Amino acid sequence: MLTTTCTVSKADCLKPLRDRLDAIDVRNPQMARLVCKVIPAACPFERDIKFFNRVLFHIPPLCKLNPLYEETVGLRFRALSYLADECGEDVTSYC
């Protein structure tokens, strides 16, 4: 059985995955559209819980707790840039 240990920190254990996400070069319009549809433009978890138009409590955006948040947002940005700059598509439908 192969086990991987990380003694420095958990963030360092994710470095290979971060590097792979950052290395993805978007050069296919279908892939770029899929990335833009799958990765949301805004954090979907942020909510205001209301009762009779009165805010009981606010759930903050939890996306920043995702250790790969910056890399996924960067991938989405590269896909949007590719569609807009290289393909000449209108990307407002993805925003």
Protein backbone atom coordinates (compact mmCIF):
# COMPACT_ATOMS: atom_id res chain seq x y z
CA MET A 1 0.00 0.00 0.00
CA LEU A 2 1.35 3.39 -0.99
CA THR A 3 0.85 6.22 1.47
CA THR A 4 1.84 9.83 1.12
CA THR A 5 2.79 11.80 4.17
CA CYS A 6 3.11 15.52 4.44
CA THR A 7 5.02 16.80 7.42
CA VAL A 8 5.15 20.52 6.64
CA SER A 9 1.49 21.38 6.15
CA LYS A 10 -1.63 20.17 4.39
CA ALA A 11 -1.37 23.03 1.90
CA ASP A 12 1.94 21.63 0.67
CA CYS A 13 0.29 18.26 0.05
CA LEU A 14 -1.97 19.94 -2.49
CA LYS A 15 0.86 21.64 -4.38
CA PRO A 16 1.00 18.98 -7.16
CA LEU A 17 -2.73 19.38 -7.75
CA ARG A 18 -2.42 23.18 -7.68
CA ASP A 19 0.39 23.00 -10.21
CA ARG A 20 -1.66 20.74 -12.50
CA LEU A 21 -4.64 23.10 -12.39
CA ASP A 22 -2.39 26.08 -13.10
CA ALA A 23 -0.75 24.22 -15.99
CA ILE A 24 -4.02 23.61 -17.84
CA ASP A 25 -3.80 25.59 -21.07
CA VAL A 26 -7.23 26.31 -22.49
CA ARG A 27 -7.01 25.88 -26.27
CA ASN A 28 -10.32 24.22 -27.10
CA PRO A 29 -13.61 26.18 -27.29
CA GLN A 30 -15.68 23.22 -26.07
CA MET A 31 -13.44 22.73 -23.05
CA ALA A 32 -13.49 26.47 -22.33
CA ARG A 33 -17.31 26.54 -22.42
CA LEU A 34 -17.48 23.51 -20.12
CA VAL A 35 -15.09 25.09 -17.61
CA CYS A 36 -17.13 28.32 -17.62
CA LYS A 37 -20.36 26.39 -17.01
CA VAL A 38 -18.97 24.09 -14.30
CA ILE A 39 -17.05 26.67 -12.24
CA PRO A 40 -19.51 29.28 -10.93
CA ALA A 41 -18.84 33.01 -11.34
CA ALA A 42 -19.82 33.69 -7.73
CA CYS A 43 -19.73 31.63 -4.59
CA PRO A 44 -23.01 29.68 -4.49
CA PHE A 45 -23.05 29.25 -0.71
CA GLU A 46 -23.41 32.86 0.42
CA ARG A 47 -26.95 33.39 1.72
CA ASP A 48 -29.07 35.63 3.89
CA ILE A 49 -31.58 33.67 5.95
CA LYS A 50 -34.70 35.79 6.26
CA PHE A 51 -37.92 35.52 8.20
CA PHE A 52 -40.69 38.02 7.43
CA ASN A 53 -38.26 40.23 5.46
CA ARG A 54 -35.91 40.39 8.44
CA VAL A 55 -32.42 38.93 8.14
CA LEU A 56 -31.95 36.34 10.87
CA PHE A 57 -28.36 35.53 9.98
CA HIS A 58 -25.90 35.64 7.13
CA ILE A 59 -23.96 32.65 5.82
CA PRO A 60 -20.63 33.98 4.50
CA PRO A 61 -19.08 32.75 1.27
CA LEU A 62 -17.43 29.45 2.07
CA CYS A 63 -15.56 29.16 -1.23
CA LYS A 64 -12.46 30.75 0.22
CA LEU A 65 -12.16 27.75 2.54
CA ASN A 66 -11.56 25.62 -0.55
CA PRO A 67 -7.79 25.07 -0.74
CA LEU A 68 -7.97 25.07 -4.56
CA TYR A 69 -10.18 28.18 -4.84
CA GLU A 70 -7.55 30.45 -6.42
CA GLU A 71 -6.57 27.83 -8.98
CA THR A 72 -10.15 27.09 -10.06
CA VAL A 73 -10.96 30.79 -10.37
CA GLY A 74 -7.78 31.23 -12.41
CA LEU A 75 -8.78 28.36 -14.70
CA ARG A 76 -12.21 29.91 -15.22
CA PHE A 77 -10.60 33.27 -16.01
CA ARG A 78 -8.28 31.65 -18.57
CA ALA A 79 -11.26 29.93 -20.19
CA LEU A 80 -13.25 33.18 -20.35
CA SER A 81 -10.24 35.03 -21.77
CA TYR A 82 -9.74 32.35 -24.41
CA LEU A 83 -13.38 32.49 -25.49
CA ALA A 84 -13.39 36.29 -25.63
CA ASP A 85 -9.94 36.94 -27.13
CA GLU A 86 -9.24 33.92 -29.33
CA CYS A 87 -12.75 32.83 -30.33
CA GLY A 88 -14.40 36.25 -30.33
CA GLU A 89 -17.39 34.99 -28.35
CA ASP A 90 -19.61 37.10 -26.15
CA VAL A 91 -18.93 35.79 -22.64
CA THR A 92 -21.62 37.78 -20.81
CA SER A 93 -23.77 34.65 -20.59
CA TYR A 94 -21.11 33.07 -18.36
CA CYS A 95 -20.88 36.01 -15.95
